[in-house]
């Protein structure tokens, strides 16, 4: 991925505990696949978490870490700069 993926407009925050739990579940799944070196899956899962709660910097930093492992330095930089 070479295009910037910073999208600030329409920031979304989890509105319910159920939404927050779902986002955290995606994060935990992402952590597991990251540890298993399944980097694209880790990016995808953390993206899903961010779609629920864009304001949680942990999801963004986790996606940044997975992006580095995919040599997606632009995506990693974009995520890290917003986090």
Protein backbone atom coordinates (compact mmCIF):
# COMPACT_ATOMS: atom_id res chain seq x y z
CA UNK A 1 0.00 0.00 0.00
CA UNK A 2 1.58 3.26 -1.05
CA UNK A 3 -1.27 5.72 -0.66
CA UNK A 4 -1.80 7.53 2.58
CA UNK A 5 -4.49 6.02 4.78
CA UNK A 6 -4.89 8.88 7.22
CA UNK A 7 -8.57 9.71 7.37
CA UNK A 8 -9.57 12.10 10.10
CA UNK A 9 -12.98 13.31 8.94
CA UNK A 10 -15.87 11.61 10.65
CA UNK A 11 -13.95 10.32 13.65
CA UNK A 12 -15.99 7.60 15.28
CA UNK A 13 -15.89 6.52 18.89
CA UNK A 14 -17.52 3.35 20.20
CA UNK A 15 -20.91 4.41 21.51
CA UNK A 16 -21.74 1.38 23.65
CA UNK A 17 -19.88 -1.10 25.80
CA UNK A 18 -20.88 -3.80 23.30
CA UNK A 19 -19.21 -1.87 20.46
CA UNK A 20 -16.11 -1.30 22.58
CA UNK A 21 -15.96 -5.01 23.45
CA UNK A 22 -16.17 -5.91 19.74
CA UNK A 23 -13.37 -3.49 18.89
CA UNK A 24 -11.23 -4.90 21.70
CA UNK A 25 -11.95 -8.41 20.44
CA UNK A 26 -10.65 -7.44 16.99
CA UNK A 27 -7.55 -5.98 18.67
CA UNK A 28 -6.93 -9.20 20.62
CA UNK A 29 -7.37 -11.30 17.47
CA UNK A 30 -4.98 -8.92 15.73
CA UNK A 31 -2.40 -9.40 18.48
CA UNK A 32 -2.62 -13.17 18.08
CA UNK A 33 -2.16 -13.14 14.32
CA UNK A 34 0.63 -10.57 14.63
CA UNK A 35 2.47 -12.93 16.98
CA UNK A 36 1.92 -15.68 14.40
CA UNK A 37 3.48 -13.38 11.76
CA UNK A 38 0.23 -13.11 9.83
CA UNK A 39 0.77 -9.43 9.26
CA UNK A 40 -1.94 -8.65 6.71
CA UNK A 41 -4.56 -10.23 8.94
CA UNK A 42 -3.28 -8.12 11.83
CA UNK A 43 -3.67 -4.98 9.71
CA UNK A 44 -7.17 -6.01 8.68
CA UNK A 45 -8.31 -6.81 12.23
CA UNK A 46 -6.98 -3.58 13.66
CA UNK A 47 -8.64 -1.70 10.80
CA UNK A 48 -11.94 -3.31 11.82
CA UNK A 49 -11.35 -2.18 15.40
CA UNK A 50 -10.66 1.34 14.16
CA UNK A 51 -13.88 1.35 12.16
CA UNK A 52 -15.70 0.90 15.47
CA UNK A 53 -13.55 3.27 17.52
CA UNK A 54 -11.23 5.52 15.55
CA UNK A 55 -10.14 7.38 18.68
CA UNK A 56 -8.35 4.45 20.36
CA UNK A 57 -4.64 4.89 19.63
CA UNK A 58 -3.81 1.29 20.54
CA UNK A 59 -5.58 0.00 17.42
CA UNK A 60 -3.65 2.45 15.27
CA UNK A 61 -0.25 1.64 16.82
CA UNK A 62 -0.92 -2.08 16.48
CA UNK A 63 -1.77 -1.60 12.81
CA UNK A 64 1.37 0.47 12.40
CA UNK A 65 3.49 -2.35 13.83
CA UNK A 66 1.94 -4.88 11.48
CA UNK A 67 2.42 -2.51 8.54
CA UNK A 68 6.15 -2.23 9.27
CA UNK A 69 6.39 -6.01 9.05
CA UNK A 70 4.74 -5.83 5.62
CA UNK A 71 7.26 -3.17 4.54
CA UNK A 72 4.37 -0.72 4.26
CA UNK A 73 6.41 2.12 5.65
CA UNK A 74 4.05 4.84 4.43
CA UNK A 75 1.04 3.21 6.08
CA UNK A 76 3.05 2.63 9.27
CA UNK A 77 4.20 6.24 9.30
CA UNK A 78 0.69 7.54 8.71
CA UNK A 79 -0.72 5.48 11.57
CA UNK A 80 2.10 6.41 13.92
CA UNK A 81 1.82 10.10 13.13
CA UNK A 82 -1.87 10.20 14.02
CA UNK A 83 -1.49 8.01 17.11
